[in-house]
Amino acid sequence: MDGTFGQGLPGYHVSELIPAGEVTRIIMLTEDDAYRSNVGVQNATDGAINVTFELYDAMGNLLDTVNRNLAPYSNTQINQILDDSAPVQGYVDVSATGTFFTYGSVLDNMTSDPTTILPF
């Protein structure tokens, strides 16, 4: 099989994580026959948090809002987060009620090779 496999995320100091209430953006997400996009989030606190994902198309139109509750120090990933609006290119704004980290990945549907998308 040609291609590569695997996805890596850098380590972050707690001071570099995203604070409660701050909105961060995952860009360059694609959902179509060739690609699929996932967004993950990790709770960096010792208490439960609520995470809000606001899904937008590339023109800035709100497509949907998704909420997830995360237990202390847990994580979740929403696979094919834009699938209900496919085919689409867009972005996701992520915020939470506690300190967190988030990332995106765009996967090639033929090879399943992921590309990491870090928040900004």
PDB file of N, CA and C in Angstrom:
ATOM      1  N   MET A   1       0.843  -1.184   0.000  1.00  0.00           N
ATOM      2  CA  MET A   1       0.000   0.000   0.000  1.00  0.00           C
ATOM      3  C   MET A   1       0.882   1.238   0.000  1.00  0.00           C
ATOM      4  N   ASP A   2       0.608   2.167  -0.864  1.00  0.00           N
ATOM      5  CA  ASP A   2       1.350   3.421  -0.912  1.00  0.00           C
ATOM      6  C   ASP A   2       0.795   4.390   0.115  1.00  0.00           C
ATOM      7  N   GLY A   3       1.629   5.345   0.519  1.00  0.00           N
ATOM      8  CA  GLY A   3       1.177   6.388   1.429  1.00  0.00           C
ATOM      9  C   GLY A   3       1.809   6.270   2.792  1.00  0.00           C
ATOM     10  N   THR A   4       1.303   7.045   3.701  1.00  0.00           N
ATOM     11  CA  THR A   4       1.792   7.049   5.073  1.00  0.00           C
ATOM     12  C   THR A   4       0.629   6.744   5.997  1.00  0.00           C
ATOM     13  N   PHE A   5       0.948   6.461   7.246  1.00  0.00           N
ATOM     14  CA  PHE A   5      -0.093   6.168   8.210  1.00  0.00           C
ATOM     15  C   PHE A   5       0.278   6.803   9.528  1.00  0.00           C
ATOM     16  N   GLY A   6      -0.687   7.384  10.176  1.00  0.00           N
ATOM     17  CA  GLY A   6      -0.470   7.917  11.507  1.00  0.00           C
ATOM     18  C   GLY A   6      -0.682   9.410  11.580  1.00  0.00           C
ATOM     19  N   GLN A   7      -0.930   9.874  12.776  1.00  0.00           N
ATOM     20  CA  GLN A   7      -1.152  11.285  13.014  1.00  0.00           C
ATOM     21  C   GLN A   7      -0.503  11.624  14.332  1.00  0.00           C
ATOM     22  N   GLY A   8       0.224  12.716  14.365  1.00  0.00           N
ATOM     23  CA  GLY A   8       0.871  13.126  15.598  1.00  0.00           C
ATOM     24  C   GLY A   8       0.401  14.490  16.043  1.00  0.00           C
ATOM     25  N   LEU A   9       0.366  14.673  17.336  1.00  0.00           N
ATOM     26  CA  LEU A   9       0.040  15.971  17.925  1.00  0.00           C
ATOM     27  C   LEU A   9       1.176  16.348  18.866  1.00  0.00           C
ATOM     28  N   PRO A  10       1.593  17.604  18.841  1.00  0.00           N
ATOM     29  CA  PRO A  10       2.658  18.021  19.755  1.00  0.00           C
ATOM     30  C   PRO A  10       2.158  18.058  21.201  1.00  0.00           C
ATOM     31  N   GLY A  11       3.083  17.966  22.126  1.00  0.00           N
ATOM     32  CA  GLY A  11       2.730  18.129  23.530  1.00  0.00           C
ATOM     33  C   GLY A  11       2.603  19.607  23.874  1.00  0.00           C
ATOM     34  N   TYR A  12       1.733  19.931  24.794  1.00  0.00           N
ATOM     35  CA  TYR A  12       1.525  21.317  25.205  1.00  0.00           C
ATOM     36  C   TYR A  12       1.622  21.430  26.720  1.00  0.00           C
ATOM     37  N   HIS A  13       2.226  22.520  27.180  1.00  0.00           N
ATOM     38  CA  HIS A  13       2.226  22.845  28.602  1.00  0.00           C
ATOM     39  C   HIS A  13       0.836  23.361  28.948  1.00  0.00           C
ATOM     40  N   VAL A  14       0.401  23.173  30.170  1.00  0.00           N
ATOM     41  CA  VAL A  14      -0.934  23.601  30.589  1.00  0.00           C
ATOM     42  C   VAL A  14      -1.160  25.091  30.311  1.00  0.00           C
ATOM     43  N   SER A  15      -0.100  25.894  30.366  1.00  0.00           N
ATOM     44  CA  SER A  15      -0.234  27.333  30.096  1.00  0.00           C
ATOM     45  C   SER A  15      -0.550  27.618  28.630  1.00  0.00           C
ATOM     46  N   GLU A  16      -0.372  26.638  27.740  1.00  0.00           N
ATOM     47  CA  GLU A  16      -0.632  26.811  26.315  1.00  0.00           C
ATOM     48  C   GLU A  16      -2.016  26.306  25.899  1.00  0.00           C
ATOM     49  N   LEU A  17      -2.764  25.738  26.833  1.00  0.00           N
ATOM     50  CA  LEU A  17      -4.083  25.203  26.513  1.00  0.00           C
ATOM     51  C   LEU A  17      -5.102  26.332  26.374  1.00  0.00           C
ATOM     52  N   ILE A  18      -6.275  26.006  25.897  1.00  0.00           N
ATOM     53  CA  ILE A  18      -7.310  26.992  25.606  1.00  0.00           C
ATOM     54  C   ILE A  18      -8.164  27.193  26.859  1.00  0.00           C
ATOM     55  N   PRO A  19      -8.254  28.423  27.358  1.00  0.00           N
ATOM     56  CA  PRO A  19      -9.009  28.650  28.598  1.00  0.00           C
ATOM     57  C   PRO A  19     -10.522  28.613  28.372  1.00  0.00           C
ATOM     58  N   ALA A  20     -11.236  28.392  29.457  1.00  0.00           N
ATOM     59  CA  ALA A  20     -12.699  28.388  29.432  1.00  0.00           C
ATOM     60  C   ALA A  20     -13.223  29.665  28.802  1.00  0.00           C
ATOM     61  N   GLY A  21     -14.235  29.513  27.941  1.00  0.00           N
ATOM     62  CA  GLY A  21     -14.884  30.655  27.327  1.00  0.00           C
ATOM     63  C   GLY A  21     -14.228  31.188  26.068  1.00  0.00           C
ATOM     64  N   GLU A  22     -12.974  30.823  25.817  1.00  0.00           N
ATOM     65  CA  GLU A  22     -12.300  31.289  24.601  1.00  0.00           C
ATOM     66  C   GLU A  22     -12.733  30.423  23.416  1.00  0.00           C
ATOM     67  N   VAL A  23     -12.950  31.063  22.278  1.00  0.00           N
ATOM     68  CA  VAL A  23     -13.323  30.351  21.061  1.00  0.00           C
ATOM     69  C   VAL A  23     -12.077  30.166  20.211  1.00  0.00           C
ATOM     70  N   THR A  24     -11.861  28.942  19.752  1.00  0.00           N
ATOM     71  CA  THR A  24     -10.750  28.651  18.857  1.00  0.00           C
ATOM     72  C   THR A  24     -11.306  28.022  17.588  1.00  0.00           C
ATOM     73  N   ARG A  25     -10.566  28.131  16.500  1.00  0.00           N
ATOM     74  CA  ARG A  25     -11.084  27.716  15.197  1.00  0.00           C
ATOM     75  C   ARG A  25     -10.231  26.612  14.575  1.00  0.00           C
ATOM     76  N   ILE A  26     -10.917  25.627  14.010  1.00  0.00           N
ATOM     77  CA  ILE A  26     -10.293  24.566  13.214  1.00  0.00           C
ATOM     78  C   ILE A  26     -10.704  24.829  11.761  1.00  0.00           C
ATOM     79  N   ILE A  27      -9.734  25.150  10.905  1.00  0.00           N
ATOM     80  CA  ILE A  27     -10.031  25.537   9.520  1.00  0.00           C
ATOM     81  C   ILE A  27      -9.721  24.401   8.543  1.00  0.00           C
ATOM     82  N   MET A  28     -10.034  24.638   7.289  1.00  0.00           N
ATOM     83  CA  MET A  28      -9.697  23.758   6.162  1.00  0.00           C
ATOM     84  C   MET A  28     -10.320  22.367   6.277  1.00  0.00           C
ATOM     85  N   LEU A  29     -11.525  22.276   6.817  1.00  0.00           N
ATOM     86  CA  LEU A  29     -12.201  20.986   6.916  1.00  0.00           C
ATOM     87  C   LEU A  29     -12.976  20.719   5.631  1.00  0.00           C
ATOM     88  N   THR A  30     -12.994  19.477   5.200  1.00  0.00           N
ATOM     89  CA  THR A  30     -13.656  19.083   3.959  1.00  0.00           C
ATOM     90  C   THR A  30     -14.428  17.799   4.175  1.00  0.00           C
ATOM     91  N   GLU A  31     -15.615  17.764   3.630  1.00  0.00           N
ATOM     92  CA  GLU A  31     -16.460  16.567   3.684  1.00  0.00           C
ATOM     93  C   GLU A  31     -17.018  16.353   2.283  1.00  0.00           C
ATOM     94  N   ASP A  32     -16.499  15.335   1.574  1.00  0.00           N
ATOM     95  CA  ASP A  32     -16.981  15.010   0.229  1.00  0.00           C
ATOM     96  C   ASP A  32     -16.548  13.586  -0.116  1.00  0.00           C
ATOM     97  N   ASP A  33     -16.643  13.208  -1.382  1.00  0.00           N
ATOM     98  CA  ASP A  33     -16.278  11.851  -1.773  1.00  0.00           C
ATOM     99  C   ASP A  33     -14.800  11.555  -1.571  1.00  0.00           C
ATOM    100  N   ALA A  34     -13.952  12.577  -1.606  1.00  0.00           N
ATOM    101  CA  ALA A  34     -12.506  12.373  -1.505  1.00  0.00           C
ATOM    102  C   ALA A  34     -11.961  12.511  -0.083  1.00  0.00           C
ATOM    103  N   TYR A  35     -12.611  13.310   0.766  1.00  0.00           N
ATOM    104  CA  TYR A  35     -12.080  13.599   2.097  1.00  0.00           C
ATOM    105  C   TYR A  35     -13.174  13.579   3.163  1.00  0.00           C
ATOM    106  N   ARG A  36     -12.736  13.317   4.392  1.00  0.00           N
ATOM    107  CA  ARG A  36     -13.616  13.415   5.550  1.00  0.00           C
ATOM    108  C   ARG A  36     -12.850  14.122   6.665  1.00  0.00           C
ATOM    109  N   SER A  37     -13.581  14.775   7.558  1.00  0.00           N
ATOM    110  CA  SER A  37     -12.941  15.586   8.604  1.00  0.00           C
ATOM    111  C   SER A  37     -13.453  15.206   9.986  1.00  0.00           C
ATOM    112  N   ASN A  38     -12.526  15.165  10.928  1.00  0.00           N
ATOM    113  CA  ASN A  38     -12.833  14.864  12.321  1.00  0.00           C
ATOM    114  C   ASN A  38     -12.348  16.022  13.189  1.00  0.00           C
ATOM    115  N   VAL A  39     -13.000  16.213  14.327  1.00  0.00           N
ATOM    116  CA  VAL A  39     -12.545  17.191  15.315  1.00  0.00           C
ATOM    117  C   VAL A  39     -12.554  16.515  16.674  1.00  0.00           C
ATOM    118  N   GLY A  40     -11.419  16.633  17.378  1.00  0.00           N
ATOM    119  CA  GLY A  40     -11.297  16.054  18.709  1.00  0.00           C
ATOM    120  C   GLY A  40     -11.079  17.135  19.747  1.00  0.00           C
ATOM    121  N   VAL A  41     -11.386  16.791  20.983  1.00  0.00           N
ATOM    122  CA  VAL A  41     -11.201  17.731  22.090  1.00  0.00           C
ATOM    123  C   VAL A  41     -10.859  16.939  23.354  1.00  0.00           C
ATOM    124  N   GLN A  42      -9.984  17.533  24.180  1.00  0.00           N
ATOM    125  CA  GLN A  42      -9.584  16.939  25.449  1.00  0.00           C
ATOM    126  C   GLN A  42      -9.890  17.904  26.586  1.00  0.00           C
ATOM    127  N   ASN A  43     -10.490  17.384  27.640  1.00  0.00           N
ATOM    128  CA  ASN A  43     -10.759  18.144  28.849  1.00  0.00           C
ATOM    129  C   ASN A  43      -9.486  18.142  29.691  1.00  0.00           C
ATOM    130  N   ALA A  44      -8.954  19.305  29.997  1.00  0.00           N
ATOM    131  CA  ALA A  44      -7.716  19.413  30.767  1.00  0.00           C
ATOM    132  C   ALA A  44      -7.962  19.734  32.238  1.00  0.00           C
ATOM    133  N   THR A  45      -9.192  19.515  32.709  1.00  0.00           N
ATOM    134  CA  THR A  45      -9.527  19.864  34.092  1.00  0.00           C
ATOM    135  C   THR A  45      -9.947  18.640  34.894  1.00  0.00           C
ATOM    136  N   ASP A  46     -10.008  18.829  36.205  1.00  0.00           N
ATOM    137  CA  ASP A  46     -10.451  17.750  37.087  1.00  0.00           C
ATOM    138  C   ASP A  46     -11.959  17.780  37.322  1.00  0.00           C
ATOM    139  N   GLY A  47     -12.683  18.557  36.519  1.00  0.00           N
ATOM    140  CA  GLY A  47     -14.137  18.606  36.574  1.00  0.00           C
ATOM    141  C   GLY A  47     -14.735  18.417  35.191  1.00  0.00           C
ATOM    142  N   ALA A  48     -15.999  18.073  35.144  1.00  0.00           N
ATOM    143  CA  ALA A  48     -16.687  17.915  33.855  1.00  0.00           C
ATOM    144  C   ALA A  48     -16.823  19.267  33.171  1.00  0.00           C
ATOM    145  N   ILE A  49     -16.764  19.265  31.842  1.00  0.00           N
ATOM    146  CA  ILE A  49     -16.952  20.490  31.065  1.00  0.00           C
ATOM    147  C   ILE A  49     -17.936  20.218  29.939  1.00  0.00           C
ATOM    148  N   ASN A  50     -18.533  21.304  29.426  1.00  0.00           N
ATOM    149  CA  ASN A  50     -19.367  21.231  28.228  1.00  0.00           C
ATOM    150  C   ASN A  50     -18.596  21.881  27.093  1.00  0.00           C
ATOM    151  N   VAL A  51     -18.551  21.192  25.950  1.00  0.00           N
ATOM    152  CA  VAL A  51     -17.846  21.687  24.772  1.00  0.00           C
ATOM    153  C   VAL A  51     -18.877  21.994  23.692  1.00  0.00           C
ATOM    154  N   THR A  52     -18.744  23.160  23.063  1.00  0.00           N
ATOM    155  CA  THR A  52     -19.631  23.564  21.976  1.00  0.00           C
ATOM    156  C   THR A  52     -18.842  23.625  20.681  1.00  0.00           C
ATOM    157  N   PHE A  53     -19.372  22.974  19.653  1.00  0.00           N
ATOM    158  CA  PHE A  53     -18.805  22.975  18.314  1.00  0.00           C
ATOM    159  C   PHE A  53     -19.793  23.707  17.407  1.00  0.00           C
ATOM    160  N   GLU A  54     -19.393  24.842  16.841  1.00  0.00           N
ATOM    161  CA  GLU A  54     -20.227  25.554  15.880  1.00  0.00           C
ATOM    162  C   GLU A  54     -19.660  25.287  14.496  1.00  0.00           C
ATOM    163  N   LEU A  55     -20.449  24.668  13.624  1.00  0.00           N
ATOM    164  CA  LEU A  55     -20.020  24.230  12.310  1.00  0.00           C
ATOM    165  C   LEU A  55     -20.425  25.260  11.261  1.00  0.00           C
ATOM    166  N   TYR A  56     -19.468  25.669  10.423  1.00  0.00           N
ATOM    167  CA  TYR A  56     -19.699  26.679   9.397  1.00  0.00           C
ATOM    168  C   TYR A  56     -19.227  26.174   8.035  1.00  0.00           C
ATOM    169  N   ASP A  57     -19.884  26.654   6.977  1.00  0.00           N
ATOM    170  CA  ASP A  57     -19.347  26.407   5.647  1.00  0.00           C
ATOM    171  C   ASP A  57     -18.280  27.466   5.359  1.00  0.00           C
ATOM    172  N   ALA A  58     -17.597  27.344   4.228  1.00  0.00           N
ATOM    173  CA  ALA A  58     -16.494  28.244   3.902  1.00  0.00           C
ATOM    174  C   ALA A  58     -16.920  29.701   3.760  1.00  0.00           C
ATOM    175  N   MET A  59     -18.205  29.947   3.523  1.00  0.00           N
ATOM    176  CA  MET A  59     -18.716  31.317   3.390  1.00  0.00           C
ATOM    177  C   MET A  59     -19.123  31.919   4.741  1.00  0.00           C
ATOM    178  N   GLY A  60     -19.002  31.137   5.820  1.00  0.00           N
ATOM    179  CA  GLY A  60     -19.336  31.640   7.147  1.00  0.00           C
ATOM    180  C   GLY A  60     -20.772  31.413   7.560  1.00  0.00           C
ATOM    181  N   ASN A  61     -21.516  30.598   6.813  1.00  0.00           N
ATOM    182  CA  ASN A  61     -22.898  30.278   7.181  1.00  0.00           C
ATOM    183  C   ASN A  61     -22.912  29.185   8.243  1.00  0.00           C
ATOM    184  N   LEU A  62     -23.616  29.434   9.346  1.00  0.00           N
ATOM    185  CA  LEU A  62     -23.729  28.446  10.412  1.00  0.00           C
ATOM    186  C   LEU A  62     -24.521  27.248   9.913  1.00  0.00           C
ATOM    187  N   LEU A  63     -23.923  26.056  10.000  1.00  0.00           N
ATOM    188  CA  LEU A  63     -24.571  24.827   9.560  1.00  0.00           C
ATOM    189  C   LEU A  63     -25.246  24.081  10.709  1.00  0.00           C
ATOM    190  N   ASP A  64     -24.609  24.095  11.873  1.00  0.00           N
ATOM    191  CA  ASP A  64     -25.130  23.326  13.004  1.00  0.00           C
ATOM    192  C   ASP A  64     -24.328  23.687  14.254  1.00  0.00           C
ATOM    193  N   THR A  65     -24.887  23.383  15.403  1.00  0.00           N
ATOM    194  CA  THR A  65     -24.192  23.500  16.685  1.00  0.00           C
ATOM    195  C   THR A  65     -24.313  22.163  17.397  1.00  0.00           C
ATOM    196  N   VAL A  66     -23.176  21.656  17.866  1.00  0.00           N
ATOM    197  CA  VAL A  66     -23.122  20.360  18.540  1.00  0.00           C
ATOM    198  C   VAL A  66     -22.506  20.580  19.916  1.00  0.00           C
ATOM    199  N   ASN A  67     -23.081  19.948  20.936  1.00  0.00           N
ATOM    200  CA  ASN A  67     -22.545  20.027  22.298  1.00  0.00           C
ATOM    201  C   ASN A  67     -22.168  18.646  22.787  1.00  0.00           C
ATOM    202  N   ARG A  68     -21.081  18.591  23.552  1.00  0.00           N
ATOM    203  CA  ARG A  68     -20.644  17.344  24.170  1.00  0.00           C
ATOM    204  C   ARG A  68     -20.243  17.647  25.612  1.00  0.00           C
ATOM    205  N   ASN A  69     -20.598  16.766  26.515  1.00  0.00           N
ATOM    206  CA  ASN A  69     -20.124  16.847  27.894  1.00  0.00           C
ATOM    207  C   ASN A  69     -18.932  15.919  28.024  1.00  0.00           C
ATOM    208  N   LEU A  70     -17.872  16.407  28.665  1.00  0.00           N
ATOM    209  CA  LEU A  70     -16.671  15.609  28.846  1.00  0.00           C
ATOM    210  C   LEU A  70     -16.372  15.450  30.329  1.00  0.00           C
ATOM    211  N   ALA A  71     -16.135  14.229  30.728  1.00  0.00           N
ATOM    212  CA  ALA A  71     -15.728  13.930  32.098  1.00  0.00           C
ATOM    213  C   ALA A  71     -14.325  14.495  32.345  1.00  0.00           C
ATOM    214  N   PRO A  72     -13.908  14.594  33.600  1.00  0.00           N
ATOM    215  CA  PRO A  72     -12.571  15.107  33.903  1.00  0.00           C
ATOM    216  C   PRO A  72     -11.486  14.351  33.132  1.00  0.00           C
ATOM    217  N   TYR A  73     -10.553  15.092  32.578  1.00  0.00           N
ATOM    218  CA  TYR A  73      -9.381  14.568  31.867  1.00  0.00           C
ATOM    219  C   TYR A  73      -9.724  13.561  30.764  1.00  0.00           C
ATOM    220  N   SER A  74     -10.892  13.677  30.175  1.00  0.00           N
ATOM    221  CA  SER A  74     -11.292  12.744  29.111  1.00  0.00           C
ATOM    222  C   SER A  74     -11.224  13.436  27.755  1.00  0.00           C
ATOM    223  N   ASN A  75     -11.457  12.663  26.726  1.00  0.00           N
ATOM    224  CA  ASN A  75     -11.445  13.215  25.376  1.00  0.00           C
ATOM    225  C   ASN A  75     -12.542  12.570  24.541  1.00  0.00           C
ATOM    226  N   THR A  76     -12.860  13.235  23.442  1.00  0.00           N
ATOM    227  CA  THR A  76     -13.807  12.700  22.473  1.00  0.00           C
ATOM    228  C   THR A  76     -13.403  13.198  21.094  1.00  0.00           C
ATOM    229  N   GLN A  77     -13.836  12.487  20.084  1.00  0.00           N
ATOM    230  CA  GLN A  77     -13.620  12.914  18.705  1.00  0.00           C
ATOM    231  C   GLN A  77     -14.922  12.738  17.944  1.00  0.00           C
ATOM    232  N   ILE A  78     -15.309  13.755  17.192  1.00  0.00           N
ATOM    233  CA  ILE A  78     -16.490  13.662  16.339  1.00  0.00           C
ATOM    234  C   ILE A  78     -15.995  13.375  14.933  1.00  0.00           C
ATOM    235  N   ASN A  79     -16.272  12.181  14.456  1.00  0.00           N
ATOM    236  CA  ASN A  79     -15.852  11.786  13.121  1.00  0.00           C
ATOM    237  C   ASN A  79     -16.833  12.328  12.087  1.00  0.00           C
ATOM    238  N   GLN A  80     -16.283  12.711  10.944  1.00  0.00           N
ATOM    239  CA  GLN A  80     -17.069  13.249   9.838  1.00  0.00           C
ATOM    240  C   GLN A  80     -18.023  14.340  10.332  1.00  0.00           C
ATOM    241  N   ILE A  81     -17.460  15.303  11.010  1.00  0.00           N
ATOM    242  CA  ILE A  81     -18.234  16.335  11.698  1.00  0.00           C
ATOM    243  C   ILE A  81     -19.124  17.150  10.759  1.00  0.00           C
ATOM    244  N   LEU A  82     -18.738  17.296   9.492  1.00  0.00           N
ATOM    245  CA  LEU A  82     -19.539  18.067   8.540  1.00  0.00           C
ATOM    246  C   LEU A  82     -20.366  17.181   7.609  1.00  0.00           C
ATOM    247  N   ASP A  83     -20.455  15.901   7.913  1.00  0.00           N
ATOM    248  CA  ASP A  83     -21.094  14.940   7.005  1.00  0.00           C
ATOM    249  C   ASP A  83     -22.541  15.285   6.659  1.00  0.00           C
ATOM    250  N   ASP A  84     -23.295  15.818   7.608  1.00  0.00           N
ATOM    251  CA  ASP A  84     -24.706  16.154   7.338  1.00  0.00           C
ATOM    252  C   ASP A  84     -24.860  17.258   6.290  1.00  0.00           C
ATOM    253  N   SER A  85     -23.797  18.011   6.020  1.00  0.00           N
ATOM    254  CA  SER A  85     -23.844  19.100   5.046  1.00  0.00           C
ATOM    255  C   SER A  85     -23.033  18.804   3.778  1.00  0.00           C
ATOM    256  N   ALA A  86     -22.496  17.598   3.673  1.00  0.00           N
ATOM    257  CA  ALA A  86     -21.627  17.233   2.541  1.00  0.00           C
ATOM    258  C   ALA A  86     -22.385  17.286   1.223  1.00  0.00           C
ATOM    259  N   PRO A  87     -21.682  17.629   0.149  1.00  0.00           N
ATOM    260  CA  PRO A  87     -20.271  18.028   0.116  1.00  0.00           C
ATOM    261  C   PRO A  87     -20.112  19.473   0.579  1.00  0.00           C
ATOM    262  N   VAL A  88     -19.073  19.710   1.381  1.00  0.00           N
ATOM    263  CA  VAL A  88     -18.865  21.036   1.942  1.00  0.00           C
ATOM    264  C   VAL A  88     -17.407  21.217   2.352  1.00  0.00           C
ATOM    265  N   GLN A  89     -16.949  22.447   2.276  1.00  0.00           N
ATOM    266  CA  GLN A  89     -15.694  22.861   2.887  1.00  0.00           C
ATOM    267  C   GLN A  89     -16.070  23.870   3.953  1.00  0.00           C
ATOM    268  N   GLY A  90     -15.372  23.828   5.090  1.00  0.00           N
ATOM    269  CA  GLY A  90     -15.744  24.742   6.147  1.00  0.00           C
ATOM    270  C   GLY A  90     -14.785  24.747   7.306  1.00  0.00           C
ATOM    271  N   TYR A  91     -15.300  25.193   8.447  1.00  0.00           N
ATOM    272  CA  TYR A  91     -14.502  25.282   9.660  1.00  0.00           C
ATOM    273  C   TYR A  91     -15.404  25.073  10.863  1.00  0.00           C
ATOM    274  N   VAL A  92     -14.778  24.863  12.016  1.00  0.00           N
ATOM    275  CA  VAL A  92     -15.510  24.643  13.258  1.00  0.00           C
ATOM    276  C   VAL A  92     -14.920  25.546  14.329  1.00  0.00           C
ATOM    277  N   ASP A  93     -15.784  26.287  15.008  1.00  0.00           N
ATOM    278  CA  ASP A  93     -15.390  27.056  16.185  1.00  0.00           C
ATOM    279  C   ASP A  93     -15.688  26.208  17.413  1.00  0.00           C
ATOM    280  N   VAL A  94     -14.683  26.096  18.292  1.00  0.00           N
ATOM    281  CA  VAL A  94     -14.799  25.247  19.477  1.00  0.00           C
ATOM    282  C   VAL A  94     -14.606  26.103  20.719  1.00  0.00           C
ATOM    283  N   SER A  95     -15.493  25.923  21.705  1.00  0.00           N
ATOM    284  CA  SER A  95     -15.362  26.591  22.999  1.00  0.00           C
ATOM    285  C   SER A  95     -15.806  25.620  24.082  1.00  0.00           C
ATOM    286  N   ALA A  96     -15.431  25.914  25.325  1.00  0.00           N
ATOM    287  CA  ALA A  96     -15.772  25.007  26.424  1.00  0.00           C
ATOM    288  C   ALA A  96     -15.896  25.776  27.727  1.00  0.00           C
ATOM    289  N   THR A  97     -16.506  25.119  28.699  1.00  0.00           N
ATOM    290  CA  THR A  97     -16.693  25.719  30.023  1.00  0.00           C
ATOM    291  C   THR A  97     -15.503  25.486  30.944  1.00  0.00           C
ATOM    292  N   GLY A  98     -14.444  24.852  30.436  1.00  0.00           N
ATOM    293  CA  GLY A  98     -13.214  24.622  31.189  1.00  0.00           C
ATOM    294  C   GLY A  98     -12.038  24.594  30.237  1.00  0.00           C
ATOM    295  N   THR A  99     -10.838  24.520  30.785  1.00  0.00           N
ATOM    296  CA  THR A  99      -9.624  24.483  29.977  1.00  0.00           C
ATOM    297  C   THR A  99      -9.604  23.222  29.118  1.00  0.00           C
ATOM    298  N   PHE A 100      -9.210  23.387  27.835  1.00  0.00           N
ATOM    299  CA  PHE A 100      -9.269  22.255  26.909  1.00  0.00           C
ATOM    300  C   PHE A 100      -8.227  22.395  25.809  1.00  0.00           C
ATOM    301  N   PHE A 101      -8.101  21.352  25.011  1.00  0.00           N
ATOM    302  CA  PHE A 101      -7.323  21.373  23.780  1.00  0.00           C
ATOM    303  C   PHE A 101      -8.181  20.748  22.688  1.00  0.00           C
ATOM    304  N   THR A 102      -8.031  21.228  21.468  1.00  0.00           N
ATOM    305  CA  THR A 102      -8.782  20.688  20.348  1.00  0.00           C
ATOM    306  C   THR A 102      -7.887  20.578  19.125  1.00  0.00           C
ATOM    307  N   TYR A 103      -8.280  19.757  18.195  1.00  0.00           N
ATOM    308  CA  TYR A 103      -7.542  19.573  16.946  1.00  0.00           C
ATOM    309  C   TYR A 103      -8.520  19.101  15.878  1.00  0.00           C
ATOM    310  N   GLY A 104      -8.111  19.210  14.644  1.00  0.00           N
ATOM    311  CA  GLY A 104      -8.871  18.649  13.537  1.00  0.00           C
ATOM    312  C   GLY A 104      -7.994  17.711  12.750  1.00  0.00           C
ATOM    313  N   SER A 105      -8.617  16.880  11.957  1.00  0.00           N
ATOM    314  CA  SER A 105      -7.876  16.050  11.012  1.00  0.00           C
ATOM    315  C   SER A 105      -8.730  15.880   9.764  1.00  0.00           C
ATOM    316  N   VAL A 106      -8.065  15.956   8.628  1.00  0.00           N
ATOM    317  CA  VAL A 106      -8.712  15.721   7.345  1.00  0.00           C
ATOM    318  C   VAL A 106      -8.092  14.444   6.790  1.00  0.00           C
ATOM    319  N   LEU A 107      -8.939  13.487   6.460  1.00  0.00           N
ATOM    320  CA  LEU A 107      -8.456  12.187   5.996  1.00  0.00           C
ATOM    321  C   LEU A 107      -8.796  11.964   4.535  1.00  0.00           C
ATOM    322  N   ASP A 108      -7.840  11.419   3.819  1.00  0.00           N
ATOM    323  CA  ASP A 108      -8.019  11.005   2.439  1.00  0.00           C
ATOM    324  C   ASP A 108      -8.878   9.737   2.459  1.00  0.00           C
ATOM    325  N   ASN A 109     -10.026   9.752   1.804  1.00  0.00           N
ATOM    326  CA  ASN A 109     -10.925   8.593   1.837  1.00  0.00           C
ATOM    327  C   ASN A 109     -10.352   7.366   1.138  1.00  0.00           C
ATOM    328  N   MET A 110      -9.392   7.549   0.223  1.00  0.00           N
ATOM    329  CA  MET A 110      -8.812   6.409  -0.460  1.00  0.00           C
ATOM    330  C   MET A 110      -7.790   5.685   0.410  1.00  0.00           C
ATOM    331  N   THR A 111      -6.951   6.456   1.108  1.00  0.00           N
ATOM    332  CA  THR A 111      -5.862   5.863   1.877  1.00  0.00           C
ATOM    333  C   THR A 111      -6.063   5.941   3.397  1.00  0.00           C
ATOM    334  N   SER A 112      -6.998   6.773   3.848  1.00  0.00           N
ATOM    335  CA  SER A 112      -7.230   7.089   5.256  1.00  0.00           C
ATOM    336  C   SER A 112      -6.059   7.829   5.905  1.00  0.00           C
ATOM    337  N   ASP A 113      -5.140   8.361   5.086  1.00  0.00           N
ATOM    338  CA  ASP A 113      -4.030   9.160   5.623  1.00  0.00           C
ATOM    339  C   ASP A 113      -4.587  10.461   6.180  1.00  0.00           C
ATOM    340  N   PRO A 114      -4.270  10.783   7.455  1.00  0.00           N
ATOM    341  CA  PRO A 114      -4.762  12.024   8.059  1.00  0.00           C
ATOM    342  C   PRO A 114      -3.771  13.174   7.929  1.00  0.00           C
ATOM    343  N   THR A 115      -4.308  14.375   7.882  1.00  0.00           N
ATOM    344  CA  THR A 115      -3.528  15.596   7.998  1.00  0.00           C
ATOM    345  C   THR A 115      -4.021  16.326   9.238  1.00  0.00           C
ATOM    346  N   THR A 116      -3.132  16.622  10.162  1.00  0.00           N
ATOM    347  CA  THR A 116      -3.507  17.307  11.398  1.00  0.00           C
ATOM    348  C   THR A 116      -3.751  18.784  11.141  1.00  0.00           C
ATOM    349  N   ILE A 117      -4.840  19.301  11.709  1.00  0.00           N
ATOM    350  CA  ILE A 117      -5.173  20.727  11.642  1.00  0.00           C
ATOM    351  C   ILE A 117      -5.199  21.239  13.090  1.00  0.00           C
ATOM    352  N   LEU A 118      -4.227  22.058  13.438  1.00  0.00           N
ATOM    353  CA  LEU A 118      -4.169  22.615  14.792  1.00  0.00           C
ATOM    354  C   LEU A 118      -5.027  23.868  14.885  1.00  0.00           C
ATOM    355  N   PRO A 119      -5.555  24.168  16.054  1.00  0.00           N
ATOM    356  CA  PRO A 119      -6.442  25.335  16.213  1.00  0.00           C
ATOM    357  C   PRO A 119      -5.658  26.636  16.209  1.00  0.00           C
ATOM    358  N   PHE A 120      -6.393  27.715  15.963  1.00  0.00           N
ATOM    359  CA  PHE A 120      -5.817  29.046  16.134  1.00  0.00           C
ATOM    360  C   PHE A 120      -6.885  29.985  16.633  1.00  0.00           C
TER     361      PHE A 120
END
